[in-house]
C-alpha cells in the first residue's frame, strides 16, 4: 500500500461519517442536497481509492466510478448552493442531464479507438500504433515500424503541434 492511500481512506471515513449523520437527520431539501454532495464525493474518492488499490473487478471500472463522481460534484454543489441561498429550482438548473452518460460514452469510444491497420498502401509492412494526448482527446496514428526505428523513438514518432491526424 502506498504512503498516500491513508489520505483517501481518511477522507472516505469522514464522508461516510457525515453521510450517516445526515441520513438520520430530519429531511429537508437542503439536507437532501447535502447528502447528494456527500454521495458524489464518496463516489469520487471511493472510486479513486479502489482504482489505486486495483481492487476487483479492475481499475478501469473504478476509474469510471471516479469520473462519474467528479463530473457530478459541480452539479451537486450547484443544487446545494441554490437551495442554501433560497432560490427557486424552476429554470435555474443548467442542462447537465447528459453529462455523465455523455462523458462515459466519449471515454469508452476513445478507449476502443486503438485499432491500427498496416501502413504502406497494400504492402504488408508492420505498423506501430502511436497513442498520444492532444487537447481534444486521444488520437491513434499508425506509423511504419521502419520509419519509427530510423528516428530512434522506439516506435513513437512525435506529432508536430497543431497536426491532428
C-alpha atoms as a PDB file:
ATOM      1  CA  UNK A   1       0.000   0.000   0.000  1.00  0.00           C
ATOM      2  CA  UNK A   2       1.285   3.401  -0.990  1.00  0.00           C
ATOM      3  CA  UNK A   3       2.033   6.038   1.616  1.00  0.00           C
ATOM      4  CA  UNK A   4      -0.703   8.366   0.238  1.00  0.00           C
ATOM      5  CA  UNK A   5      -3.557   5.845   0.447  1.00  0.00           C
ATOM      6  CA  UNK A   6      -4.241   6.951   4.018  1.00  0.00           C
ATOM      7  CA  UNK A   7      -5.430  10.336   2.708  1.00  0.00           C
ATOM      8  CA  UNK A   8      -8.175   8.725   0.612  1.00  0.00           C
ATOM      9  CA  UNK A   9      -9.098   6.334   3.419  1.00  0.00           C
ATOM     10  CA  UNK A  10      -9.353   9.207   5.918  1.00  0.00           C
ATOM     11  CA  UNK A  11     -11.464  11.315   3.544  1.00  0.00           C
ATOM     12  CA  UNK A  12     -13.739   8.351   2.838  1.00  0.00           C
ATOM     13  CA  UNK A  13     -14.130   7.704   6.570  1.00  0.00           C
ATOM     14  CA  UNK A  14     -15.197  11.308   7.269  1.00  0.00           C
ATOM     15  CA  UNK A  15     -17.534  11.436   4.247  1.00  0.00           C
ATOM     16  CA  UNK A  16     -19.201   8.195   5.416  1.00  0.00           C
ATOM     17  CA  UNK A  17     -19.488   9.538   8.979  1.00  0.00           C
ATOM     18  CA  UNK A  18     -21.138  12.747   7.754  1.00  0.00           C
ATOM     19  CA  UNK A  19     -23.390  10.772   5.422  1.00  0.00           C
ATOM     20  CA  UNK A  20     -24.617   8.565   8.282  1.00  0.00           C
ATOM     21  CA  UNK A  21     -25.196  11.599  10.494  1.00  0.00           C
ATOM     22  CA  UNK A  22     -27.260  13.386   7.838  1.00  0.00           C
ATOM     23  CA  UNK A  23     -29.177  10.257   6.818  1.00  0.00           C
ATOM     24  CA  UNK A  24     -30.554  10.035  10.362  1.00  0.00           C
ATOM     25  CA  UNK A  25     -31.468  13.758  10.479  1.00  0.00           C
ATOM     26  CA  UNK A  26     -34.885  15.173   9.660  1.00  0.00           C
ATOM     27  CA  UNK A  27     -35.071  15.540   5.880  1.00  0.00           C
ATOM     28  CA  UNK A  28     -35.401  18.879   4.171  1.00  0.00           C
ATOM     29  CA  UNK A  29     -34.430  19.988   0.670  1.00  0.00           C
ATOM     30  CA  UNK A  30     -31.159  21.409   1.998  1.00  0.00           C
ATOM     31  CA  UNK A  31     -30.273  18.185   3.858  1.00  0.00           C
ATOM     32  CA  UNK A  32     -31.122  16.092   0.794  1.00  0.00           C
ATOM     33  CA  UNK A  33     -28.886  18.244  -1.406  1.00  0.00           C
ATOM     34  CA  UNK A  34     -26.022  17.997   1.089  1.00  0.00           C
ATOM     35  CA  UNK A  35     -26.425  14.202   1.146  1.00  0.00           C
ATOM     36  CA  UNK A  36     -26.158  14.300  -2.666  1.00  0.00           C
ATOM     37  CA  UNK A  37     -22.903  16.299  -2.374  1.00  0.00           C
ATOM     38  CA  UNK A  38     -21.552  13.756   0.110  1.00  0.00           C
ATOM     39  CA  UNK A  39     -22.599  10.871  -2.142  1.00  0.00           C
ATOM     40  CA  UNK A  40     -20.763  12.333  -5.139  1.00  0.00           C
ATOM     41  CA  UNK A  41     -17.664  12.917  -3.003  1.00  0.00           C
ATOM     42  CA  UNK A  42     -17.828   9.309  -1.744  1.00  0.00           C
ATOM     43  CA  UNK A  43     -18.217   8.096  -5.333  1.00  0.00           C
ATOM     44  CA  UNK A  44     -15.212  10.129  -6.472  1.00  0.00           C
ATOM     45  CA  UNK A  45     -12.941   9.324  -3.516  1.00  0.00           C
ATOM     46  CA  UNK A  46     -14.012   5.687  -3.253  1.00  0.00           C
ATOM     47  CA  UNK A  47     -13.504   5.151  -6.975  1.00  0.00           C
ATOM     48  CA  UNK A  48     -10.048   6.666  -6.908  1.00  0.00           C
ATOM     49  CA  UNK A  49      -9.093   4.681  -3.788  1.00  0.00           C
ATOM     50  CA  UNK A  50     -10.240   1.371  -5.250  1.00  0.00           C
ATOM     51  CA  UNK A  51      -8.550   2.253  -8.537  1.00  0.00           C
ATOM     52  CA  UNK A  52      -5.287   2.960  -6.690  1.00  0.00           C
ATOM     53  CA  UNK A  53      -5.591  -0.349  -4.809  1.00  0.00           C
ATOM     54  CA  UNK A  54      -6.503  -2.119  -8.082  1.00  0.00           C
ATOM     55  CA  UNK A  55      -9.420  -3.842  -6.362  1.00  0.00           C
ATOM     56  CA  UNK A  56     -11.608  -6.422  -8.071  1.00  0.00           C
ATOM     57  CA  UNK A  57     -13.027  -6.328 -10.792  1.00  0.00           C
ATOM     58  CA  UNK A  58     -10.313  -3.989 -12.081  1.00  0.00           C
ATOM     59  CA  UNK A  59      -9.026  -0.443 -12.107  1.00  0.00           C
ATOM     60  CA  UNK A  60     -10.992   0.509 -15.247  1.00  0.00           C
ATOM     61  CA  UNK A  61     -14.347   0.089 -13.500  1.00  0.00           C
ATOM     62  CA  UNK A  62     -13.210   2.176 -10.526  1.00  0.00           C
ATOM     63  CA  UNK A  63     -11.794   4.765 -12.926  1.00  0.00           C
ATOM     64  CA  UNK A  64     -15.266   5.241 -14.410  1.00  0.00           C
ATOM     65  CA  UNK A  65     -16.836   5.417 -10.934  1.00  0.00           C
ATOM     66  CA  UNK A  66     -14.324   8.106 -10.039  1.00  0.00           C
ATOM     67  CA  UNK A  67     -15.061  10.012 -13.265  1.00  0.00           C
ATOM     68  CA  UNK A  68     -18.807   9.822 -12.647  1.00  0.00           C
ATOM     69  CA  UNK A  69     -18.280  11.196  -9.151  1.00  0.00           C
ATOM     70  CA  UNK A  70     -16.053  14.057 -10.219  1.00  0.00           C
ATOM     71  CA  UNK A  71     -18.449  15.024 -13.030  1.00  0.00           C
ATOM     72  CA  UNK A  72     -21.441  15.036 -10.674  1.00  0.00           C
ATOM     73  CA  UNK A  73     -19.746  17.115  -7.946  1.00  0.00           C
ATOM     74  CA  UNK A  74     -20.300  20.521  -9.650  1.00  0.00           C
ATOM     75  CA  UNK A  75     -23.979  19.799 -10.258  1.00  0.00           C
ATOM     76  CA  UNK A  76     -24.499  18.615  -6.665  1.00  0.00           C
ATOM     77  CA  UNK A  77     -22.751  21.746  -5.353  1.00  0.00           C
ATOM     78  CA  UNK A  78     -24.880  23.915  -7.652  1.00  0.00           C
ATOM     79  CA  UNK A  79     -28.110  22.372  -6.308  1.00  0.00           C
ATOM     80  CA  UNK A  80     -26.920  22.683  -2.710  1.00  0.00           C
ATOM     81  CA  UNK A  81     -25.855  26.331  -3.033  1.00  0.00           C
ATOM     82  CA  UNK A  82     -29.058  27.211  -4.935  1.00  0.00           C
ATOM     83  CA  UNK A  83     -31.207  25.781  -2.128  1.00  0.00           C
ATOM     84  CA  UNK A  84     -28.967  27.266   0.569  1.00  0.00           C
ATOM     85  CA  UNK A  85     -29.491  30.732  -0.942  1.00  0.00           C
ATOM     86  CA  UNK A  86     -33.246  30.128  -1.162  1.00  0.00           C
ATOM     87  CA  UNK A  87     -33.549  30.387  -4.938  1.00  0.00           C
ATOM     88  CA  UNK A  88     -36.421  28.540  -6.647  1.00  0.00           C
ATOM     89  CA  UNK A  89     -35.438  25.424  -8.577  1.00  0.00           C
ATOM     90  CA  UNK A  90     -37.557  26.164 -11.679  1.00  0.00           C
ATOM     91  CA  UNK A  91     -35.489  27.203 -14.672  1.00  0.00           C
ATOM     92  CA  UNK A  92     -32.298  27.610 -12.628  1.00  0.00           C
ATOM     93  CA  UNK A  93     -30.516  24.280 -13.146  1.00  0.00           C
ATOM     94  CA  UNK A  94     -28.043  24.018 -16.002  1.00  0.00           C
ATOM     95  CA  UNK A  95     -28.763  21.290 -18.531  1.00  0.00           C
ATOM     96  CA  UNK A  96     -26.430  18.628 -17.162  1.00  0.00           C
ATOM     97  CA  UNK A  97     -28.685  15.591 -17.588  1.00  0.00           C
ATOM     98  CA  UNK A  98     -26.400  14.004 -20.189  1.00  0.00           C
ATOM     99  CA  UNK A  99     -23.106  14.945 -18.576  1.00  0.00           C
ATOM    100  CA  UNK A 100     -22.121  11.599 -17.067  1.00  0.00           C
ATOM    101  CA  UNK A 101     -23.548   9.285 -19.783  1.00  0.00           C
ATOM    102  CA  UNK A 102     -22.097  11.512 -22.496  1.00  0.00           C
ATOM    103  CA  UNK A 103     -18.706  11.721 -20.821  1.00  0.00           C
ATOM    104  CA  UNK A 104     -18.509   7.994 -20.178  1.00  0.00           C
ATOM    105  CA  UNK A 105     -19.531   7.145 -23.745  1.00  0.00           C
ATOM    106  CA  UNK A 106     -16.876   9.527 -25.084  1.00  0.00           C
ATOM    107  CA  UNK A 107     -14.275   7.978 -22.797  1.00  0.00           C
ATOM    108  CA  UNK A 108     -15.250   4.458 -23.851  1.00  0.00           C
ATOM    109  CA  UNK A 109     -15.117   5.496 -27.517  1.00  0.00           C
ATOM    110  CA  UNK A 110     -11.567   6.806 -27.012  1.00  0.00           C
ATOM    111  CA  UNK A 111     -10.569   3.594 -25.224  1.00  0.00           C
ATOM    112  CA  UNK A 112     -11.803   1.445 -28.109  1.00  0.00           C
ATOM    113  CA  UNK A 113     -10.186   3.534 -30.865  1.00  0.00           C
ATOM    114  CA  UNK A 114      -6.798   1.856 -30.665  1.00  0.00           C
ATOM    115  CA  UNK A 115      -7.020  -0.446 -33.674  1.00  0.00           C
ATOM    116  CA  UNK A 116      -4.318   0.108 -36.283  1.00  0.00           C
ATOM    117  CA  UNK A 117      -4.108  -1.141 -39.829  1.00  0.00           C
ATOM    118  CA  UNK A 118      -0.911  -1.894 -41.717  1.00  0.00           C
ATOM    119  CA  UNK A 119       0.553   1.191 -43.387  1.00  0.00           C
ATOM    120  CA  UNK A 120       2.052   1.311 -46.845  1.00  0.00           C
ATOM    121  CA  UNK A 121      -0.890   1.233 -49.279  1.00  0.00           C
ATOM    122  CA  UNK A 122      -1.324  -2.516 -49.708  1.00  0.00           C
ATOM    123  CA  UNK A 123       2.257  -3.502 -48.916  1.00  0.00           C
ATOM    124  CA  UNK A 124       2.453  -5.765 -45.907  1.00  0.00           C
ATOM    125  CA  UNK A 125       4.732  -3.678 -43.729  1.00  0.00           C
ATOM    126  CA  UNK A 126       4.487  -3.786 -39.991  1.00  0.00           C
ATOM    127  CA  UNK A 127       2.828  -0.772 -38.347  1.00  0.00           C
ATOM    128  CA  UNK A 128       3.282   0.584 -34.845  1.00  0.00           C
ATOM    129  CA  UNK A 129       0.379   2.248 -33.033  1.00  0.00           C
ATOM    130  CA  UNK A 130       1.270   5.602 -31.520  1.00  0.00           C
ATOM    131  CA  UNK A 131      -1.171   6.886 -28.902  1.00  0.00           C
ATOM    132  CA  UNK A 132      -0.688  10.445 -27.720  1.00  0.00           C
ATOM    133  CA  UNK A 133      -2.643  13.083 -25.825  1.00  0.00           C
ATOM    134  CA  UNK A 134      -3.934  16.188 -27.555  1.00  0.00           C
ATOM    135  CA  UNK A 135      -6.304  18.882 -26.382  1.00  0.00           C
ATOM    136  CA  UNK A 136      -9.375  17.152 -27.862  1.00  0.00           C
ATOM    137  CA  UNK A 137      -8.666  13.647 -26.520  1.00  0.00           C
ATOM    138  CA  UNK A 138      -6.621  10.630 -27.536  1.00  0.00           C
ATOM    139  CA  UNK A 139      -5.507  10.094 -31.111  1.00  0.00           C
ATOM    140  CA  UNK A 140      -4.017   6.927 -32.548  1.00  0.00           C
ATOM    141  CA  UNK A 141      -1.758   7.116 -35.552  1.00  0.00           C
ATOM    142  CA  UNK A 142      -0.212   4.102 -37.308  1.00  0.00           C
ATOM    143  CA  UNK A 143       3.462   4.601 -38.067  1.00  0.00           C
ATOM    144  CA  UNK A 144       5.509   2.174 -40.176  1.00  0.00           C
ATOM    145  CA  UNK A 145       7.926   0.425 -37.844  1.00  0.00           C
ATOM    146  CA  UNK A 146      10.937   1.002 -40.111  1.00  0.00           C
ATOM    147  CA  UNK A 147      10.319   4.791 -40.083  1.00  0.00           C
ATOM    148  CA  UNK A 148       9.999   4.823 -36.293  1.00  0.00           C
ATOM    149  CA  UNK A 149      13.162   2.766 -35.894  1.00  0.00           C
ATOM    150  CA  UNK A 150      15.149   5.228 -38.047  1.00  0.00           C
ATOM    151  CA  UNK A 151      14.099   8.129 -35.857  1.00  0.00           C
ATOM    152  CA  UNK A 152      15.251   6.326 -32.723  1.00  0.00           C
ATOM    153  CA  UNK A 153      11.967   6.769 -30.888  1.00  0.00           C
ATOM    154  CA  UNK A 154      11.292   3.088 -30.265  1.00  0.00           C
ATOM    155  CA  UNK A 155       8.091   3.168 -32.301  1.00  0.00           C
ATOM    156  CA  UNK A 156       6.817   6.580 -31.243  1.00  0.00           C
ATOM    157  CA  UNK A 157       7.079   9.407 -33.742  1.00  0.00           C
ATOM    158  CA  UNK A 158       6.224  12.718 -32.059  1.00  0.00           C
ATOM    159  CA  UNK A 159       3.447  14.824 -33.552  1.00  0.00           C
ATOM    160  CA  UNK A 160       4.112  18.409 -34.545  1.00  0.00           C
ATOM    161  CA  UNK A 161       1.981  20.988 -32.736  1.00  0.00           C
ATOM    162  CA  UNK A 162      -1.373  21.549 -34.396  1.00  0.00           C
ATOM    163  CA  UNK A 163      -1.104  18.464 -36.637  1.00  0.00           C
ATOM    164  CA  UNK A 164      -4.206  16.382 -35.874  1.00  0.00           C
ATOM    165  CA  UNK A 165      -4.375  13.073 -37.664  1.00  0.00           C
END
